[in-house]
Amino acid sequence: MDHCKVRFSVIVPVYNRPDEVADLCQSLVEQTNRNFELVIVEDGSTVPCKKAVDDAKSKGLNVKYFYKENEGRSIARNYGMERCEGQYLIFFDSDCVIPPRYFETIDRALDKAPLDCFGGPDAAHASFSDTQKAINYSMTSFLTTGGIRGGKVSLEKFVPRTFNMGFSRNVYKRVGGFREMFSEDIDMSTRIRQAGFSMGLIPEAFVWHKRRINLKKFFRQVYVFGMSRITLQLLYPGSLKLVHTLPALFVLGVAILFVLSVAISPWFLLPIALYLLCVFIGALLSTKSTRIAAIAVPAAVIQLGGYGSGFIKAYFLKIVLGRGRDINQEIQIRKGK
């Protein structure tokens, strides 16, 4: 690894997010450890972020900027990996803000206990909107996701995701790049684990993740997540775990309870009310805000309902009915081959 000029290469695909990139770059300028390069890959944006990049360069940040035609975020990440120089490749989303000691933290953690692939959790910054904070709670709470997004308590093995993920250059050489598909980070993490590389969570290496700005966009996001879980099951038979089915069971359970409440007694709605009360109390304890806790309740319903309905639709179409292309053919089509 002597040929590596920096320890970390930060690779960020961007599409029409100049304001987000400006916030991300400023947070990287403020890092206590600057042994990294930033590789921005503009994926055919009509509103480029070149000004934000130039501002960061003027503040001494080591930045490489590339503009290419729009092909998708995975191909953009691969483009950046081909042109970076670091020993470790780090991936953030453009809507992330990085705490000042992030690279100091992972530098120390990797020296103490080396990992081939690693990641950290995400959190809400104080400056984020109440809706973003509520969505963040919904996406990270054990009550809604089972802790699978980097929490300390989890119903599933930790899986690094591209809002906060890193792996060594050796991993890249053996496993290759990301595939252009939904849940490409879970696919990548699975391939890394199957190749025998070590993988772990660095709990202190968190990022501030802005999330969606409204609940409608949040629904569309988690609906796609639910559908992509079936794609992953087709790619990796046996990868579907109980925790992944819980949102679908929530949707079916709520539907049954509503029918029973109409047909027999309104008391059948009590379990739903108790669960939502638990969500409210959990969010209130976590955020210390009644307003955020109140928004977290519909956010949790959207989190579970969107994911669950997408999961059910994809399961019925792709597994029960067997419709759609062979999964490997789907991937080749997404790659444009």
Protein backbone atom coordinates (compact mmCIF):
# COMPACT_ATOMS: atom_id res chain seq x y z
CA MET A 1 0.00 0.00 0.00
CA ASP A 2 3.04 2.27 -0.15
CA HIS A 3 1.82 3.72 -3.45
CA CYS A 4 -1.21 5.31 -1.74
CA LYS A 5 -0.69 9.06 -1.38
CA VAL A 6 -3.43 9.51 1.24
CA ARG A 7 -5.01 7.12 3.69
CA PHE A 8 -8.63 7.89 2.74
CA SER A 9 -10.37 8.74 -0.51
CA VAL A 10 -13.86 10.17 0.01
CA ILE A 11 -16.08 9.45 -3.00
CA VAL A 12 -19.39 11.28 -3.42
CA PRO A 13 -21.74 10.97 -6.42
CA VAL A 14 -23.76 14.14 -7.02
CA TYR A 15 -26.82 14.98 -9.07
CA ASN A 16 -28.21 18.53 -8.84
CA ARG A 17 -27.26 19.09 -5.18
CA PRO A 18 -24.96 22.16 -5.08
CA ASP A 19 -26.22 23.42 -1.70
CA GLU A 20 -25.79 20.01 -0.09
CA VAL A 21 -22.29 19.68 -1.51
CA ALA A 22 -21.37 23.09 -0.09
CA ASP A 23 -22.42 21.94 3.40
CA LEU A 24 -20.59 18.62 2.99
CA CYS A 25 -17.40 20.32 1.79
CA GLN A 26 -17.44 22.83 4.65
CA SER A 27 -17.72 19.98 7.16
CA LEU A 28 -14.72 18.29 5.51
CA VAL A 29 -12.71 21.51 5.62
CA GLU A 30 -13.23 21.49 9.39
CA GLN A 31 -11.85 17.96 9.94
CA THR A 32 -9.18 17.55 12.61
CA ASN A 33 -7.51 14.87 10.45
CA ARG A 34 -7.01 15.94 6.82
CA ASN A 35 -5.22 12.80 5.54
CA PHE A 36 -7.84 12.34 2.82
CA GLU A 37 -8.83 13.45 -0.65
CA LEU A 38 -12.37 14.28 -1.72
CA VAL A 39 -13.51 12.91 -5.08
CA ILE A 40 -16.72 14.55 -6.35
CA VAL A 41 -18.34 12.87 -9.36
CA GLU A 42 -20.98 15.09 -10.94
CA ASP A 43 -23.34 12.61 -12.61
CA GLY A 44 -24.68 14.74 -15.46
CA SER A 45 -26.13 17.48 -13.24
CA THR A 46 -27.96 20.37 -14.89
CA VAL A 47 -27.21 22.41 -11.74
CA PRO A 48 -23.53 21.64 -11.06
CA CYS A 49 -21.69 22.04 -7.77
CA LYS A 50 -18.41 23.33 -9.25
CA LYS A 51 -18.57 26.60 -7.28
CA ALA A 52 -18.86 24.73 -3.97
CA VAL A 53 -15.90 22.57 -4.97
CA ASP A 54 -13.79 25.61 -5.92
CA ASP A 55 -14.65 27.29 -2.61
CA ALA A 56 -13.51 24.16 -0.74
CA LYS A 57 -10.25 24.09 -2.73
CA SER A 58 -9.60 27.72 -1.82
CA LYS A 59 -9.82 26.66 1.83
CA GLY A 60 -7.14 24.04 1.35
CA LEU A 61 -9.27 20.93 0.84
CA ASN A 62 -7.74 18.27 -1.42
CA VAL A 63 -10.51 17.88 -4.01
CA LYS A 64 -10.80 16.13 -7.36
CA TYR A 65 -13.84 17.12 -9.42
CA PHE A 66 -15.18 15.13 -12.37
CA TYR A 67 -18.19 15.78 -14.59
CA LYS A 68 -19.67 12.89 -16.59
CA GLU A 69 -22.90 11.99 -18.34
CA ASN A 70 -25.77 10.79 -16.18
CA GLU A 71 -25.60 7.02 -15.68
CA GLY A 72 -26.59 6.50 -12.04
CA ARG A 73 -25.02 6.80 -8.61
CA SER A 74 -23.32 3.38 -8.62
CA ILE A 75 -21.55 4.01 -11.90
CA ALA A 76 -20.56 7.45 -10.59
CA ARG A 77 -19.03 5.85 -7.48
CA ASN A 78 -17.15 3.36 -9.65
CA TYR A 79 -15.89 6.23 -11.80
CA GLY A 80 -14.53 7.90 -8.68
CA MET A 81 -12.92 4.69 -7.40
CA GLU A 82 -11.02 4.31 -10.66
CA ARG A 83 -9.50 7.77 -10.18
CA CYS A 84 -8.76 7.91 -6.45
CA GLU A 85 -5.50 7.29 -4.61
CA GLY A 86 -6.40 6.34 -1.03
CA GLN A 87 -5.66 3.22 0.95
CA TYR A 88 -9.31 3.17 2.06
CA LEU A 89 -12.31 4.27 0.00
CA ILE A 90 -14.99 6.14 1.97
CA PHE A 91 -18.51 6.79 0.70
CA PHE A 92 -20.91 9.52 1.80
CA ASP A 93 -24.16 10.72 0.28
CA SER A 94 -24.20 14.35 -0.83
CA ASP A 95 -26.80 15.15 1.87
CA CYS A 96 -24.41 14.20 4.70
CA VAL A 97 -22.57 16.55 7.03
CA ILE A 98 -19.46 15.09 8.68
CA PRO A 99 -18.57 15.71 12.35
CA PRO A 100 -15.13 17.36 12.80
CA ARG A 101 -13.46 14.31 14.36
CA TYR A 102 -14.81 11.70 11.91
CA PHE A 103 -11.49 10.92 10.20
CA GLU A 104 -9.60 11.17 13.45
CA THR A 105 -12.02 8.57 14.84
CA ILE A 106 -11.77 6.03 12.01
CA ASP A 107 -8.01 6.52 11.70
CA ARG A 108 -7.59 5.59 15.37
CA ALA A 109 -10.16 2.75 15.19
CA LEU A 110 -8.51 1.11 12.16
CA ASP A 111 -5.08 1.33 13.77
CA LYS A 112 -6.42 -0.34 16.90
CA ALA A 113 -8.55 -3.04 15.21
CA PRO A 114 -8.07 -3.22 11.41
CA LEU A 115 -11.14 -3.91 9.28
CA ASP A 116 -11.47 -4.56 5.56
CA CYS A 117 -14.92 -2.98 5.42
CA PHE A 118 -16.58 -0.72 7.97
CA GLY A 119 -19.28 1.83 8.50
CA GLY A 120 -20.98 3.95 11.11
CA PRO A 121 -24.45 5.16 12.08
CA ASP A 122 -26.20 8.37 11.12
CA ALA A 123 -27.83 11.05 13.23
CA ALA A 124 -29.71 14.33 12.93
CA HIS A 125 -27.83 17.61 13.31
CA ALA A 126 -29.35 20.36 15.46
CA SER A 127 -29.78 22.54 12.35
CA PHE A 128 -31.99 20.01 10.53
CA SER A 129 -35.74 20.61 10.21
CA ASP A 130 -38.15 18.95 12.64
CA THR A 131 -39.41 16.71 9.83
CA GLN A 132 -35.87 15.57 9.00
CA LYS A 133 -35.22 14.84 12.67
CA ALA A 134 -38.46 12.86 12.92
CA ILE A 135 -37.60 10.87 9.81
CA ASN A 136 -34.12 10.25 11.18
CA TYR A 137 -35.64 8.84 14.37
CA SER A 138 -37.94 6.60 12.34
CA MET A 139 -35.06 5.34 10.19
CA THR A 140 -32.79 4.55 13.15
CA SER A 141 -35.11 3.51 15.98
CA PHE A 142 -35.20 -0.10 17.16
CA LEU A 143 -39.01 0.26 17.26
CA THR A 144 -39.21 0.82 13.50
CA THR A 145 -36.19 -0.78 11.82
CA GLY A 146 -34.97 -3.26 14.39
CA GLY A 147 -31.72 -1.31 14.65
CA ILE A 148 -30.40 -2.58 11.30
CA ARG A 149 -29.01 0.83 10.28
CA GLY A 150 -25.98 0.84 12.55
CA GLY A 151 -27.50 0.88 16.01
CA LYS A 152 -25.82 -0.82 18.95
CA VAL A 153 -28.82 -3.14 19.40
CA SER A 154 -29.79 -4.92 16.20
CA LEU A 155 -31.82 -7.85 14.92
CA GLU A 156 -29.39 -8.37 12.01
CA LYS A 157 -25.66 -8.38 11.35
CA PHE A 158 -24.34 -4.89 10.67
CA VAL A 159 -24.40 -3.94 6.98
CA PRO A 160 -22.48 -0.77 5.98
CA ARG A 161 -24.46 1.58 3.73
CA THR A 162 -23.21 4.23 1.36
CA PHE A 163 -24.24 7.22 3.46
CA ASN A 164 -21.34 6.14 5.74
CA MET A 165 -19.29 3.24 4.40
CA GLY A 166 -15.64 2.42 3.76
CA PHE A 167 -13.50 -0.45 2.54
CA SER A 168 -9.88 -1.06 1.68
CA ARG A 169 -8.35 -0.86 -1.76
CA ASN A 170 -7.73 -4.61 -1.54
CA VAL A 171 -11.49 -5.15 -1.23
CA TYR A 172 -12.08 -3.05 -4.34
CA LYS A 173 -9.45 -4.98 -6.31
CA ARG A 174 -11.01 -8.34 -5.49
CA VAL A 175 -14.74 -7.58 -5.28
CA GLY A 176 -15.01 -4.81 -7.87
CA GLY A 177 -17.39 -1.87 -7.90
CA PHE A 178 -21.04 -1.21 -7.15
CA ARG A 179 -23.83 -2.55 -9.33
CA GLU A 180 -26.38 -0.07 -10.67
CA MET A 181 -29.42 -1.31 -8.77
CA PHE A 182 -31.56 -0.32 -5.79
CA SER A 183 -29.96 -1.20 -2.42
CA GLU A 184 -26.61 -1.37 -4.16
CA ASP A 185 -24.83 -0.83 -0.85
CA ILE A 186 -26.40 -3.93 0.71
CA ASP A 187 -25.46 -5.88 -2.42
CA MET A 188 -21.89 -4.61 -2.15
CA SER A 189 -21.65 -5.41 1.56
CA THR A 190 -22.96 -8.92 0.91
CA ARG A 191 -20.37 -9.54 -1.81
CA ILE A 192 -17.61 -8.26 0.49
CA ARG A 193 -18.72 -10.54 3.33
CA GLN A 194 -19.00 -13.54 0.99
CA ALA A 195 -15.45 -12.87 -0.23
CA GLY A 196 -14.23 -13.48 3.31
CA PHE A 197 -13.29 -9.92 4.27
CA SER A 198 -13.71 -8.61 7.81
CA MET A 199 -16.57 -6.17 8.41
CA GLY A 200 -17.58 -4.12 11.40
CA LEU A 201 -19.35 -1.13 12.89
CA ILE A 202 -17.42 1.85 14.27
CA PRO A 203 -20.17 3.32 16.50
CA GLU A 204 -18.37 6.60 17.17
CA ALA A 205 -17.90 7.32 13.45
CA PHE A 206 -21.34 8.77 12.82
CA VAL A 207 -22.47 11.25 10.19
CA TRP A 208 -25.28 13.78 10.20
CA HIS A 209 -27.71 12.70 7.48
CA LYS A 210 -30.30 15.19 6.24
CA ARG A 211 -32.88 12.66 5.06
CA ARG A 212 -35.91 13.55 2.95
CA ILE A 213 -37.42 16.99 3.42
CA ASN A 214 -41.05 15.81 3.50
CA LEU A 215 -43.07 12.69 4.28
CA LYS A 216 -44.24 12.18 0.68
CA LYS A 217 -40.65 11.82 -0.56
CA PHE A 218 -39.89 9.63 2.44
CA PHE A 219 -42.70 7.25 1.46
CA ARG A 220 -41.35 6.89 -2.08
CA GLN A 221 -37.88 6.15 -0.70
CA VAL A 222 -38.91 3.41 1.73
CA TYR A 223 -41.34 1.89 -0.80
CA VAL A 224 -38.38 1.30 -3.13
CA PHE A 225 -36.37 -0.10 -0.21
CA GLY A 226 -39.12 -2.66 0.39
CA MET A 227 -39.20 -3.74 -3.24
CA SER A 228 -35.42 -4.00 -3.44
CA ARG A 229 -35.31 -6.42 -0.50
CA ILE A 230 -36.97 -9.01 -2.74
CA THR A 231 -34.41 -8.29 -5.46
CA LEU A 232 -31.68 -9.01 -2.90
CA GLN A 233 -33.37 -12.28 -1.93
CA LEU A 234 -33.35 -13.34 -5.59
CA LEU A 235 -29.68 -12.41 -5.84
CA TYR A 236 -28.75 -14.07 -2.56
CA PRO A 237 -31.18 -16.87 -1.65
CA GLY A 238 -31.46 -17.17 2.10
CA SER A 239 -30.54 -13.52 2.75
CA LEU A 240 -34.12 -12.62 3.68
CA LYS A 241 -34.40 -12.51 7.48
CA LEU A 242 -37.32 -12.18 9.87
CA VAL A 243 -36.48 -8.53 10.55
CA HIS A 244 -36.95 -7.73 6.84
CA THR A 245 -40.49 -9.11 6.89
CA LEU A 246 -41.65 -7.15 9.94
CA PRO A 247 -42.90 -4.08 8.00
CA ALA A 248 -44.96 -6.35 5.73
CA LEU A 249 -46.37 -8.12 8.79
CA PHE A 250 -47.15 -4.68 10.24
CA VAL A 251 -49.12 -3.73 7.11
CA LEU A 252 -51.06 -7.00 7.11
CA GLY A 253 -51.64 -6.84 10.87
CA VAL A 254 -52.96 -3.28 10.73
CA ALA A 255 -55.29 -4.20 7.86
CA ILE A 256 -56.66 -7.18 9.81
CA LEU A 257 -57.13 -5.13 12.99
CA PHE A 258 -58.99 -2.42 11.09
CA VAL A 259 -61.34 -5.01 9.59
CA LEU A 260 -61.93 -6.56 13.01
CA SER A 261 -62.53 -3.13 14.55
CA VAL A 262 -65.29 -2.47 12.04
CA ALA A 263 -66.76 -5.97 12.11
CA ILE A 264 -66.51 -6.74 15.83
CA SER A 265 -65.21 -4.03 18.16
CA PRO A 266 -63.16 -0.79 18.07
CA TRP A 267 -61.01 -2.31 20.82
CA PHE A 268 -59.10 -4.18 18.12
CA LEU A 269 -57.42 -0.83 17.35
CA LEU A 270 -55.85 -0.77 20.82
CA PRO A 271 -52.60 -2.59 19.80
CA ILE A 272 -52.03 -0.01 17.05
CA ALA A 273 -52.64 2.87 19.46
CA LEU A 274 -50.25 1.36 22.03
CA TYR A 275 -47.52 0.88 19.45
CA LEU A 276 -47.83 4.47 18.20
CA LEU A 277 -47.76 5.69 21.81
CA CYS A 278 -44.48 3.80 22.28
CA VAL A 279 -43.09 5.46 19.16
CA PHE A 280 -44.11 8.89 20.46
CA ILE A 281 -42.56 8.27 23.89
CA GLY A 282 -39.38 6.85 22.35
CA ALA A 283 -39.02 9.84 20.04
CA LEU A 284 -39.76 12.25 22.88
CA LEU A 285 -37.06 10.69 25.07
CA SER A 286 -34.62 10.70 22.17
CA THR A 287 -35.23 14.19 20.78
CA LYS A 288 -36.61 16.05 23.84
CA SER A 289 -39.17 17.69 21.54
CA THR A 290 -42.93 17.10 21.56
CA ARG A 291 -43.21 18.47 18.02
CA ILE A 292 -40.58 16.10 16.61
CA ALA A 293 -42.12 13.22 18.55
CA ALA A 294 -45.53 14.06 17.08
CA ILE A 295 -44.12 14.05 13.53
CA ALA A 296 -42.26 10.80 14.29
CA VAL A 297 -45.58 8.99 14.67
CA PRO A 298 -46.75 9.44 11.03
CA ALA A 299 -43.11 9.03 9.94
CA ALA A 300 -43.02 5.61 11.60
CA VAL A 301 -46.32 4.65 9.93
CA ILE A 302 -44.87 5.71 6.57
CA GLN A 303 -41.59 3.92 7.32
CA LEU A 304 -43.33 0.62 8.02
CA GLY A 305 -46.26 1.06 5.64
CA GLY A 306 -44.16 2.18 2.67
CA TYR A 307 -41.50 -0.48 3.09
CA GLY A 308 -44.09 -3.15 3.87
CA SER A 309 -46.30 -2.38 0.87
CA GLY A 310 -43.31 -2.30 -1.48
CA PHE A 311 -42.11 -5.61 -0.05
CA ILE A 312 -45.53 -7.25 -0.43
CA LYS A 313 -45.94 -6.05 -4.02
CA ALA A 314 -42.48 -7.25 -5.07
CA TYR A 315 -42.88 -10.56 -3.24
CA PHE A 316 -46.20 -11.24 -4.93
CA LEU A 317 -45.03 -10.24 -8.42
CA LYS A 318 -41.50 -11.67 -8.42
CA ILE A 319 -41.71 -14.69 -6.14
CA VAL A 320 -45.35 -15.81 -6.12
CA LEU A 321 -46.12 -15.04 -9.79
CA GLY A 322 -42.52 -15.27 -11.02
CA ARG A 323 -42.93 -12.19 -13.18
CA GLY A 324 -40.10 -9.97 -14.36
CA ARG A 325 -36.70 -10.62 -15.85
CA ASP A 326 -34.03 -12.87 -14.43
CA ILE A 327 -32.24 -10.83 -11.76
CA ASN A 328 -28.85 -11.00 -13.49
CA GLN A 329 -30.51 -9.76 -16.68
CA GLU A 330 -32.02 -6.87 -14.70
CA ILE A 331 -28.60 -5.88 -13.43
CA GLN A 332 -27.09 -5.96 -16.92
CA ILE A 333 -29.94 -3.80 -18.23
CA ARG A 334 -29.40 -1.28 -15.40
CA LYS A 335 -25.73 -1.22 -16.34
CA GLY A 336 -26.72 -0.41 -19.93
CA LYS A 337 -25.27 -3.65 -21.31
